[in-house]
Amino acid sequence: MASEAHSGPEVHAPVAPGRLPLLGHALQLWRRPIEFLESLRAHGDIVRLDIGTWPVHVLTSPEHVHSVLVQQAQQFGRGRIFDRLRPVFGNGIVTTDGDFHRKQRRMMQPAFHRNHIAEYAEVMSRQAEAMSASWTAGREISMVTETRGYAMSSVAEMIFSGDLSRPAVDEVHRSLPIVLEGMLVRAVMPKSLDRLPIPYNRRFDGAAARLRRVIDEVIEQYRAEEPAERGDRHDLLSMLLAGVDSETGSTMDAEQVRDEVIAIMLAGTETSATTLSWIFHEIGRHPEVEARVHAEVDSVVGSRPVRPEDIPALTYTHDVFQEALRLHSPLLFTRRALVPLTLGGVSIPAGAELAYSPYALHRDPVLFPDPGVFDPDRWQKGAKERSRTHSYLPFGAGQHKCIGDSFAVAEILTAVATVASRWHLKPAPGITVRERPAGIPQPSELPMIPVARRVQHPSRSSEEMPQ
C-alpha cells in the first residue's frame, strides 16, 4: 500500500527546480502551467513546489494518486483549489467533503440514473440538431463558440423547463463563460487579491453573483407552484427540490439546491464543450479517423436524429472521445491531508496540500506510449493495462468521482454523431491551434469549415446538401 501511518525519521519530497524567493514556483506555474506540470515527473513520484509561500506536494505516480483518491480517501479533504472555488460553487458536492458530501451525493444520484440520462439524451439530440442545422456549407464557424453554446443549452434545458426559466437560461449564456474562464486563475492566485477592485475581479464576481441571483429567483418560483403543477415538471431542478435522503429523511433547502445547480452547470458545460472542441479538432486533423467515425455513425444512426439507444453502439466514436480527453485532460486537482502520514516513503504532515495533474499523467510515456500521438486504437490495445495501473482518470476516482460522467459521455457522443451524420469539418487554413490554460486546457481558437456530406435528414430537407 502506498500510504501508511506517519512514523520514523521524516523523509521530505524533492523540491522542483527554479524556486524563487517569495514567489516560489508561482511564476513558472503562471507563465507555462502545462509544461511545468509535465516536467515534474522527471524529479520523482512526489515533488514539492511552492506557490508563493504555499507548499504543495505534487503526485506524479498513478499509484500514489489512486491511494489518495481511493485507498486512503478518508484521510484526505478537498484541498485549496476547491476552497478557493467555494464562492462560486457554494456547498455543492464539488466542494464539500465527509458525511455532508455523502448525503448530498445520495440525494442527487437518482437524477443521474440511466433512465434519466436517456431522457436527457433526447434533449441533447434536439440541441445538437439545432447546432448542426444552423451551419452553412463553406462558411467558417468557431467550434469553441458552437460547442459551448450546445453544452450550455443542453445543461440548461436538463435543469430547467418552461418559460418560467427563460431568464435563467439567458443568464447562463451571459455569465457562465466569464466564470469558466476565471476559475483556474481564481483557484491558484492568493486569496488576498480577491478583493482588489481590478477589472478581472469585478467581471468574475459580478458574473457569479448574477448566476446565483437568477437561480434563486427560479427556485423561489418553482417552490411557489402548486404541488401538482410542480409534479408535471421532469427537470433536474424539480427532482432536487423534491429529493429526500433515503437514510436521514432530510431534504435540501433552497440555498443548497442553488449550489448544486451551479455545480452541475459549471461541470457539465466546461468539460463537455472543451472536450467536444478537441474531438472535432483531432478528427479534422486525421482523415482516417474521420472516415471511421462517419462509417460507424452511418451504420448505427443512419439519416435520422441520434437516439439514446445509439450511444452504446458508437464504440469507435467512444474511443475517439477517450483519446481526445486523454490528450486534453483537466490540469490540476488538490487534496489536503487530514492526518500526518507517509506516502511513498515521503512524510506528509497534517494540513499539507497534495495535487495531481490528470493532464500530466495522461501524457506520461511510461503509461501511454507515444503520448503526443492521437491514436483512438490504443483504447482497444491497452485497456486492461490501464485499468490495472489506474492511469486514466479524467473524471476522478473514488468517493469524489464525477457524478455526471455518464451524462457527459452521452452529451459528447450525441453531438459528435449528429455532426458526423451531416458534415465534414475542415480546419480553417493558416491557423495554429494552441492549448490555453484553464480547468481543462482550451483551444486558443478553433475555426472550422463545414463541408456537406450527403442527403439531409428527411425532417430537415430531402434535397442534396450544397457542396
Protein backbone atom coordinates (compact mmCIF):
# COMPACT_ATOMS: atom_id res chain seq x y z
CA MET A 1 0.00 0.00 0.00
CA ALA A 2 1.35 3.42 -0.93
CA SER A 3 0.10 5.24 2.18
CA GLU A 4 0.75 4.34 5.80
CA ALA A 5 0.75 5.90 9.25
CA HIS A 6 3.40 8.53 9.88
CA SER A 7 6.35 7.15 11.87
CA GLY A 8 10.16 7.05 11.92
CA PRO A 9 12.52 9.71 10.59
CA GLU A 10 10.97 12.23 8.23
CA VAL A 11 11.80 11.99 4.53
CA HIS A 12 10.92 15.07 2.52
CA ALA A 13 9.93 15.26 -1.12
CA PRO A 14 12.46 16.75 -3.55
CA VAL A 15 11.81 20.38 -4.41
CA ALA A 16 11.11 21.23 -8.06
CA PRO A 17 13.92 23.29 -9.63
CA GLY A 18 13.60 27.01 -10.25
CA ARG A 19 12.14 28.12 -6.92
CA LEU A 20 12.43 31.90 -6.40
CA PRO A 21 12.46 33.84 -3.11
CA LEU A 22 8.91 34.77 -2.00
CA LEU A 23 7.42 33.70 -5.35
CA GLY A 24 8.42 30.05 -5.13
CA HIS A 25 7.34 28.37 -8.36
CA ALA A 26 4.38 30.72 -8.91
CA LEU A 27 5.99 32.43 -11.89
CA GLN A 28 6.61 29.14 -13.72
CA LEU A 29 3.10 27.94 -12.93
CA TRP A 30 1.65 31.23 -14.15
CA ARG A 31 3.69 31.55 -17.35
CA ARG A 32 3.67 27.94 -18.56
CA PRO A 33 1.49 25.78 -16.29
CA ILE A 34 1.09 22.90 -18.74
CA GLU A 35 4.80 22.46 -19.48
CA PHE A 36 5.76 22.97 -15.83
CA LEU A 37 3.36 20.34 -14.51
CA GLU A 38 4.53 17.86 -17.15
CA SER A 39 8.17 18.47 -16.21
CA LEU A 40 7.69 17.40 -12.59
CA ARG A 41 7.63 13.65 -13.29
CA ALA A 42 11.36 13.81 -14.07
CA HIS A 43 12.06 14.78 -10.45
CA GLY A 44 10.25 12.00 -8.60
CA ASP A 45 6.91 10.37 -7.79
CA ILE A 46 6.20 13.11 -5.24
CA VAL A 47 7.64 16.57 -5.91
CA ARG A 48 7.28 19.66 -3.77
CA LEU A 49 6.58 23.02 -5.32
CA ASP A 50 5.81 26.33 -3.65
CA ILE A 51 3.16 28.75 -4.87
CA GLY A 52 4.39 31.83 -3.06
CA THR A 53 4.79 30.53 0.49
CA TRP A 54 2.17 27.80 -0.02
CA PRO A 55 3.86 24.37 -0.29
CA VAL A 56 2.21 21.71 -2.46
CA HIS A 57 3.20 18.05 -2.88
CA VAL A 58 2.53 17.08 -6.49
CA LEU A 59 1.87 13.37 -7.15
CA THR A 60 3.24 12.19 -10.49
CA SER A 61 2.63 8.46 -9.96
CA PRO A 62 -0.81 6.93 -10.71
CA GLU A 63 -0.34 4.54 -7.77
CA HIS A 64 0.00 7.44 -5.33
CA VAL A 65 -2.96 9.25 -6.88
CA HIS A 66 -5.06 6.08 -6.54
CA SER A 67 -4.00 5.74 -2.92
CA VAL A 68 -5.10 9.30 -2.13
CA LEU A 69 -8.37 9.20 -4.10
CA VAL A 70 -9.48 5.64 -3.31
CA GLN A 71 -7.44 3.54 -0.87
CA GLN A 72 -6.85 6.24 1.75
CA ALA A 73 -9.59 8.68 0.73
CA GLN A 74 -10.88 9.12 4.30
CA GLN A 75 -7.55 10.67 5.30
CA PHE A 76 -7.81 13.50 2.78
CA GLY A 77 -10.06 16.53 2.39
CA ARG A 78 -10.81 18.54 -0.73
CA GLY A 79 -7.87 20.95 -0.68
CA ARG A 80 -7.12 24.56 -1.51
CA ILE A 81 -8.34 24.73 -5.10
CA PHE A 82 -11.80 23.60 -4.01
CA ASP A 83 -11.76 26.02 -1.06
CA ARG A 84 -10.96 28.85 -3.45
CA LEU A 85 -13.88 27.92 -5.70
CA ARG A 86 -16.41 27.89 -2.86
CA PRO A 87 -17.60 31.47 -3.56
CA VAL A 88 -18.79 30.16 -6.95
CA PHE A 89 -19.87 26.59 -6.12
CA GLY A 90 -21.07 27.25 -2.56
CA ASN A 91 -21.62 24.00 -0.67
CA GLY A 92 -22.33 21.83 -3.71
CA ILE A 93 -20.87 18.34 -3.97
CA VAL A 94 -17.98 19.76 -5.99
CA THR A 95 -16.53 21.49 -2.91
CA THR A 96 -17.81 19.54 0.10
CA ASP A 97 -16.48 16.55 1.98
CA GLY A 98 -17.27 13.93 4.59
CA ASP A 99 -20.76 12.99 5.78
CA PHE A 100 -22.36 16.06 4.20
CA HIS A 101 -20.88 15.22 0.80
CA ARG A 102 -22.04 11.61 1.06
CA LYS A 103 -25.59 12.74 1.96
CA GLN A 104 -25.70 15.16 -0.97
CA ARG A 105 -24.40 12.55 -3.37
CA ARG A 106 -27.10 10.08 -2.23
CA MET A 107 -29.80 12.69 -2.80
CA MET A 108 -28.51 13.67 -6.24
CA GLN A 109 -27.71 10.21 -7.59
CA PRO A 110 -31.28 9.42 -8.74
CA ALA A 111 -31.17 12.42 -11.10
CA PHE A 112 -28.29 10.73 -12.93
CA HIS A 113 -29.87 7.28 -13.16
CA ARG A 114 -29.64 5.75 -16.63
CA ASN A 115 -33.38 6.25 -17.19
CA HIS A 116 -32.98 9.99 -16.71
CA ILE A 117 -29.82 10.00 -18.83
CA ALA A 118 -31.96 8.60 -21.66
CA GLU A 119 -34.42 11.48 -21.20
CA TYR A 120 -31.58 14.00 -21.17
CA ALA A 121 -30.14 12.40 -24.32
CA GLU A 122 -33.29 13.34 -26.19
CA VAL A 123 -32.72 16.96 -25.15
CA MET A 124 -29.09 16.70 -26.28
CA SER A 125 -30.16 15.34 -29.65
CA ARG A 126 -32.51 18.28 -30.22
CA GLN A 127 -29.80 20.77 -29.25
CA ALA A 128 -27.21 19.02 -31.45
CA GLU A 129 -29.64 19.05 -34.37
CA ALA A 130 -30.22 22.77 -33.86
CA MET A 131 -26.48 23.48 -33.75
CA SER A 132 -25.73 21.39 -36.83
CA ALA A 133 -28.68 22.82 -38.79
CA SER A 134 -27.54 26.40 -38.13
CA TRP A 135 -24.31 25.97 -40.12
CA THR A 136 -23.87 26.87 -43.76
CA ALA A 137 -21.64 24.82 -46.04
CA GLY A 138 -18.37 26.61 -46.69
CA ARG A 139 -18.95 29.31 -44.06
CA GLU A 140 -16.37 29.35 -41.26
CA ILE A 141 -17.57 28.73 -37.69
CA SER A 142 -15.87 28.89 -34.29
CA MET A 143 -16.06 25.41 -32.75
CA VAL A 144 -15.25 26.85 -29.32
CA THR A 145 -18.33 29.06 -29.52
CA GLU A 146 -20.53 26.38 -31.07
CA THR A 147 -19.70 23.61 -28.60
CA ARG A 148 -20.05 25.89 -25.60
CA GLY A 149 -23.45 27.05 -26.82
CA TYR A 150 -24.53 23.44 -27.34
CA ALA A 151 -23.33 22.35 -23.90
CA MET A 152 -24.89 25.31 -22.11
CA SER A 153 -28.23 24.84 -23.89
CA SER A 154 -28.27 21.09 -23.17
CA VAL A 155 -27.45 21.53 -19.49
CA ALA A 156 -29.85 24.43 -19.04
CA GLU A 157 -32.74 22.50 -20.60
CA MET A 158 -31.88 19.50 -18.42
CA ILE A 159 -32.04 21.65 -15.27
CA PHE A 160 -34.91 24.00 -16.08
CA SER A 161 -38.15 23.67 -18.04
CA GLY A 162 -40.74 26.02 -19.42
CA ASP A 163 -40.97 29.78 -19.86
CA LEU A 164 -40.52 30.27 -16.12
CA SER A 165 -36.81 29.53 -16.53
CA ARG A 166 -36.10 31.62 -19.63
CA PRO A 167 -34.28 34.39 -17.68
CA ALA A 168 -32.08 31.77 -16.01
CA VAL A 169 -31.15 30.20 -19.34
CA ASP A 170 -30.32 33.62 -20.78
CA GLU A 171 -28.16 34.43 -17.76
CA VAL A 172 -26.33 31.10 -18.08
CA HIS A 173 -25.34 32.07 -21.63
CA ARG A 174 -24.24 35.51 -20.46
CA SER A 175 -22.34 34.79 -17.24
CA LEU A 176 -21.20 31.17 -17.38
CA PRO A 177 -18.37 31.79 -19.93
CA ILE A 178 -16.94 34.52 -17.65
CA VAL A 179 -16.96 32.21 -14.64
CA LEU A 180 -15.48 29.27 -16.56
CA GLU A 181 -12.59 31.33 -17.91
CA GLY A 182 -11.76 32.75 -14.49
CA MET A 183 -11.96 29.63 -12.32
CA LEU A 184 -8.33 28.47 -12.74
CA VAL A 185 -6.94 31.95 -12.07
CA ARG A 186 -9.15 32.36 -9.00
CA ALA A 187 -8.16 28.91 -7.75
CA VAL A 188 -4.39 29.46 -7.75
CA MET A 189 -3.99 33.20 -7.07
CA PRO A 190 -3.53 34.39 -3.44
CA LYS A 191 -6.79 34.99 -1.60
CA SER A 192 -5.59 38.46 -0.63
CA LEU A 193 -6.02 39.54 -4.25
CA ASP A 194 -9.71 38.60 -4.40
CA ARG A 195 -10.90 41.96 -3.09
CA LEU A 196 -8.75 44.17 -5.29
CA PRO A 197 -11.05 46.33 -7.49
CA ILE A 198 -9.39 45.19 -10.70
CA PRO A 199 -11.45 44.51 -13.86
CA TYR A 200 -10.87 40.76 -13.67
CA ASN A 201 -12.29 40.52 -10.13
CA ARG A 202 -15.27 42.74 -10.96
CA ARG A 203 -16.19 40.65 -14.01
CA PHE A 204 -15.77 37.32 -12.21
CA ASP A 205 -17.58 38.31 -9.01
CA GLY A 206 -20.35 40.04 -10.95
CA ALA A 207 -20.98 37.01 -13.16
CA ALA A 208 -21.02 34.62 -10.18
CA ALA A 209 -23.43 36.87 -8.28
CA ARG A 210 -25.79 37.14 -11.26
CA LEU A 211 -25.87 33.36 -11.68
CA ARG A 212 -26.69 32.83 -8.02
CA ARG A 213 -29.36 35.53 -8.03
CA VAL A 214 -31.24 34.36 -11.10
CA ILE A 215 -31.22 30.71 -9.98
CA ASP A 216 -32.52 31.77 -6.55
CA GLU A 217 -35.38 33.55 -8.31
CA VAL A 218 -36.30 30.48 -10.36
CA ILE A 219 -36.17 28.23 -7.29
CA GLU A 220 -38.49 30.64 -5.46
CA GLN A 221 -40.93 30.49 -8.38
CA TYR A 222 -40.77 26.68 -8.51
CA ARG A 223 -41.46 26.40 -4.78
CA ALA A 224 -44.44 28.75 -5.09
CA GLU A 225 -46.13 26.41 -7.58
CA GLU A 226 -48.87 24.04 -6.54
CA PRO A 227 -47.51 20.50 -5.82
CA ALA A 228 -49.45 19.03 -8.74
CA GLU A 229 -48.12 21.68 -11.11
CA ARG A 230 -44.55 21.13 -9.97
CA GLY A 231 -45.03 17.37 -10.29
CA ASP A 232 -45.65 17.81 -14.01
CA ARG A 233 -42.09 19.01 -14.46
CA HIS A 234 -39.43 16.38 -15.14
CA ASP A 235 -36.37 18.60 -14.97
CA LEU A 236 -33.43 18.21 -12.62
CA LEU A 237 -34.35 21.25 -10.52
CA SER A 238 -37.73 19.70 -9.69
CA MET A 239 -36.04 16.44 -8.73
CA LEU A 240 -33.60 18.23 -6.42
CA LEU A 241 -36.41 20.19 -4.74
CA ALA A 242 -38.44 17.00 -4.22
CA GLY A 243 -35.48 14.79 -3.24
CA VAL A 244 -35.42 13.07 0.16
CA ASP A 245 -32.33 11.42 1.65
CA SER A 246 -33.07 7.69 1.98
CA GLU A 247 -31.05 7.40 5.21
CA THR A 248 -31.98 10.57 7.12
CA GLY A 249 -35.27 11.68 5.56
CA SER A 250 -33.86 15.19 5.11
CA THR A 251 -34.42 17.45 2.11
CA MET A 252 -32.35 20.26 0.59
CA ASP A 253 -33.10 23.87 1.40
CA ALA A 254 -33.28 26.42 -1.43
CA GLU A 255 -29.70 27.61 -0.96
CA GLN A 256 -28.32 24.07 -1.16
CA VAL A 257 -30.36 23.35 -4.30
CA ARG A 258 -28.94 26.56 -5.81
CA ASP A 259 -25.38 25.47 -5.05
CA GLU A 260 -25.92 22.05 -6.62
CA VAL A 261 -27.49 23.56 -9.73
CA ILE A 262 -24.49 25.86 -10.21
CA ALA A 263 -22.07 22.97 -9.70
CA ILE A 264 -23.88 20.87 -12.32
CA MET A 265 -23.99 23.77 -14.77
CA LEU A 266 -20.30 24.55 -14.47
CA ALA A 267 -19.10 20.95 -14.53
CA GLY A 268 -21.50 19.90 -17.27
CA THR A 269 -20.54 22.75 -19.53
CA GLU A 270 -16.77 23.16 -19.30
CA THR A 271 -15.76 19.51 -19.62
CA SER A 272 -18.19 18.69 -22.41
CA ALA A 273 -17.71 21.83 -24.50
CA THR A 274 -13.93 21.78 -24.32
CA THR A 275 -13.68 18.05 -25.00
CA LEU A 276 -16.04 18.39 -27.95
CA SER A 277 -13.88 21.16 -29.40
CA TRP A 278 -10.79 18.98 -29.16
CA ILE A 279 -12.60 15.98 -30.68
CA PHE A 280 -13.60 18.00 -33.74
CA HIS A 281 -10.07 19.41 -33.93
CA GLU A 282 -8.48 15.95 -33.84
CA ILE A 283 -10.97 14.43 -36.29
CA GLY A 284 -10.31 17.32 -38.65
CA ARG A 285 -6.56 16.65 -38.47
CA HIS A 286 -6.89 12.89 -39.02
CA PRO A 287 -8.92 11.97 -42.13
CA GLU A 288 -8.57 8.25 -41.45
CA VAL A 289 -10.21 8.71 -38.03
CA GLU A 290 -12.95 10.86 -39.54
CA ALA A 291 -13.69 8.17 -42.15
CA ARG A 292 -14.11 5.50 -39.45
CA VAL A 293 -16.34 7.75 -37.31
CA HIS A 294 -18.52 8.54 -40.34
CA ALA A 295 -18.78 4.86 -41.26
CA GLU A 296 -19.82 3.92 -37.71
CA VAL A 297 -22.35 6.74 -37.47
CA ASP A 298 -23.80 5.83 -40.87
CA SER A 299 -24.18 2.23 -39.70
CA VAL A 300 -25.63 2.95 -36.26
CA VAL A 301 -27.58 6.19 -36.75
CA GLY A 302 -28.14 6.48 -40.47
CA SER A 303 -30.06 9.54 -41.63
CA ARG A 304 -32.23 10.09 -38.54
CA PRO A 305 -31.55 12.05 -35.33
CA VAL A 306 -29.44 10.31 -32.68
CA ARG A 307 -31.41 8.28 -30.14
CA PRO A 308 -30.37 7.34 -26.59
CA GLU A 309 -30.07 3.67 -27.54
CA ASP A 310 -27.49 4.56 -30.22
CA ILE A 311 -24.90 5.69 -27.68
CA PRO A 312 -23.64 2.24 -26.52
CA ALA A 313 -23.22 1.13 -30.15
CA LEU A 314 -20.88 4.02 -31.04
CA THR A 315 -17.83 2.10 -29.83
CA TYR A 316 -15.16 3.60 -32.10
CA THR A 317 -16.57 7.09 -31.61
CA HIS A 318 -16.27 6.46 -27.86
CA ASP A 319 -12.60 5.53 -28.35
CA VAL A 320 -12.11 8.84 -30.20
CA PHE A 321 -13.72 10.64 -27.26
CA GLN A 322 -11.47 8.89 -24.74
CA GLU A 323 -8.34 9.65 -26.75
CA ALA A 324 -9.22 13.33 -27.12
CA LEU A 325 -9.92 13.55 -23.40
CA ARG A 326 -6.62 11.80 -22.64
CA LEU A 327 -4.68 14.35 -24.68
CA HIS A 328 -6.62 17.32 -23.29
CA SER A 329 -7.39 16.49 -19.67
CA PRO A 330 -8.08 18.56 -16.54
CA LEU A 331 -4.96 20.40 -15.47
CA LEU A 332 -4.85 20.23 -11.68
CA PHE A 333 -6.78 18.92 -8.67
CA THR A 334 -5.89 19.12 -4.98
CA ARG A 335 -6.41 17.19 -1.74
CA ARG A 336 -5.50 18.08 1.87
CA ALA A 337 -4.03 15.62 4.38
CA LEU A 338 -6.28 15.44 7.45
CA VAL A 339 -3.74 13.44 9.49
CA PRO A 340 0.06 13.02 9.38
CA LEU A 341 1.02 10.08 7.18
CA THR A 342 3.67 8.69 4.89
CA LEU A 343 3.05 8.37 1.16
CA GLY A 344 5.58 6.53 -0.98
CA GLY A 345 8.17 6.93 1.77
CA VAL A 346 7.65 10.71 1.97
CA SER A 347 6.42 12.31 5.19
CA ILE A 348 3.18 14.27 4.71
CA PRO A 349 2.20 16.45 7.70
CA ALA A 350 -1.43 17.06 8.66
CA GLY A 351 -2.78 20.02 6.74
CA ALA A 352 -0.37 19.58 3.84
CA GLU A 353 -1.69 20.18 0.34
CA LEU A 354 -1.32 17.49 -2.33
CA ALA A 355 -2.02 17.95 -6.01
CA TYR A 356 -2.15 15.80 -9.11
CA SER A 357 -2.47 16.61 -12.78
CA PRO A 358 -4.59 14.25 -14.92
CA TYR A 359 -3.15 16.08 -17.92
CA ALA A 360 0.43 15.20 -16.98
CA LEU A 361 -0.44 11.61 -16.01
CA HIS A 362 -2.20 11.02 -19.32
CA ARG A 363 0.87 12.20 -21.23
CA ASP A 364 3.37 10.10 -19.31
CA PRO A 365 5.24 8.00 -21.93
CA VAL A 366 5.61 5.15 -19.43
CA LEU A 367 1.83 4.89 -19.10
CA PHE A 368 0.89 5.82 -22.68
CA PRO A 369 3.49 5.05 -25.38
CA ASP A 370 3.86 7.89 -27.89
CA PRO A 371 1.69 10.07 -25.65
CA GLY A 372 1.56 13.00 -28.08
CA VAL A 373 0.09 10.84 -30.86
CA PHE A 374 -3.68 10.86 -31.32
CA ASP A 375 -4.45 7.13 -31.54
CA PRO A 376 -8.02 6.01 -30.71
CA ASP A 377 -7.00 2.39 -31.28
CA ARG A 378 -4.88 2.46 -28.12
CA TRP A 379 -8.14 2.05 -26.19
CA GLN A 380 -8.57 -1.39 -27.68
CA LYS A 381 -4.95 -2.46 -27.35
CA GLY A 382 -4.20 -1.40 -23.78
CA ALA A 383 -7.43 -1.18 -21.82
CA LYS A 384 -6.55 -3.95 -19.33
CA GLU A 385 -3.16 -2.48 -18.51
CA ARG A 386 -4.60 1.00 -17.89
CA SER A 387 -7.33 -0.40 -15.65
CA ARG A 388 -4.75 -2.16 -13.52
CA THR A 389 -2.46 0.85 -13.13
CA HIS A 390 -5.26 3.42 -12.55
CA SER A 391 -3.57 5.59 -15.14
CA TYR A 392 -6.67 7.09 -16.77
CA LEU A 393 -8.88 9.26 -14.55
CA PRO A 394 -10.40 12.22 -16.44
CA PHE A 395 -13.47 12.12 -14.18
CA GLY A 396 -11.58 11.47 -10.96
CA ALA A 397 -11.93 8.33 -8.85
CA GLY A 398 -13.32 7.11 -5.56
CA GLN A 399 -15.91 8.94 -3.49
CA HIS A 400 -15.46 12.19 -5.44
CA LYS A 401 -15.67 10.69 -8.91
CA CYS A 402 -17.76 12.94 -11.16
CA ILE A 403 -21.43 12.16 -10.57
CA GLY A 404 -22.30 13.24 -14.11
CA ASP A 405 -19.77 11.22 -16.11
CA SER A 406 -22.48 9.21 -17.91
CA PHE A 407 -24.28 12.44 -18.74
CA ALA A 408 -21.08 13.91 -20.20
CA VAL A 409 -20.44 10.82 -22.34
CA ALA A 410 -23.98 10.91 -23.74
CA GLU A 411 -23.78 14.67 -24.32
CA ILE A 412 -20.49 14.41 -26.21
CA LEU A 413 -21.24 11.32 -28.30
CA THR A 414 -24.66 12.67 -29.27
CA ALA A 415 -23.08 15.85 -30.62
CA VAL A 416 -20.27 14.05 -32.45
CA ALA A 417 -22.67 11.60 -34.10
CA THR A 418 -25.15 14.33 -35.07
CA VAL A 419 -22.45 16.43 -36.70
CA ALA A 420 -20.76 13.42 -38.33
CA SER A 421 -24.02 12.33 -39.95
CA ARG A 422 -24.17 15.63 -41.81
CA TRP A 423 -20.81 17.36 -42.11
CA HIS A 424 -17.11 17.09 -42.74
CA LEU A 425 -15.43 19.69 -40.54
CA LYS A 426 -12.25 21.03 -42.14
CA PRO A 427 -9.66 23.05 -40.21
CA ALA A 428 -9.55 26.67 -41.38
CA PRO A 429 -6.30 27.27 -43.28
CA GLY A 430 -3.44 29.27 -41.77
CA ILE A 431 -4.46 28.75 -38.13
CA THR A 432 -2.23 27.17 -35.47
CA VAL A 433 -4.34 25.83 -32.62
CA ARG A 434 -2.66 26.04 -29.21
CA GLU A 435 -3.72 24.96 -25.75
CA ARG A 436 -4.79 27.79 -23.49
CA PRO A 437 -4.52 27.03 -19.74
CA ALA A 438 -7.88 26.61 -17.98
CA GLY A 439 -9.54 24.00 -15.77
CA ILE A 440 -9.29 21.86 -18.90
CA PRO A 441 -6.88 23.44 -21.42
CA GLN A 442 -8.94 25.05 -24.16
CA PRO A 443 -8.16 25.71 -27.81
CA SER A 444 -6.73 29.18 -28.34
CA GLU A 445 -9.07 29.39 -31.33
CA LEU A 446 -10.68 26.73 -33.47
CA PRO A 447 -12.21 27.99 -36.72
CA MET A 448 -13.51 25.17 -38.91
CA ILE A 449 -15.36 24.99 -42.21
CA PRO A 450 -18.40 22.69 -42.57
CA VAL A 451 -18.49 20.75 -45.83
CA ALA A 452 -21.71 18.86 -46.55
CA ARG A 453 -21.55 15.08 -46.57
CA ARG A 454 -24.74 13.81 -48.10
CA VAL A 455 -28.57 13.99 -48.23
CA GLN A 456 -30.05 15.70 -45.19
CA HIS A 457 -32.39 14.02 -42.75
CA PRO A 458 -35.88 13.76 -44.20
CA SER A 459 -37.07 16.01 -41.37
CA ARG A 460 -34.62 18.69 -42.44
CA SER A 461 -34.86 18.53 -46.21
CA SER A 462 -34.93 15.95 -48.96
CA GLU A 463 -32.61 17.92 -51.16
CA GLU A 464 -28.93 17.23 -51.65
CA MET A 465 -26.86 19.46 -49.40
CA PRO A 466 -24.72 22.05 -51.20
CA GLN A 467 -21.10 21.08 -51.75
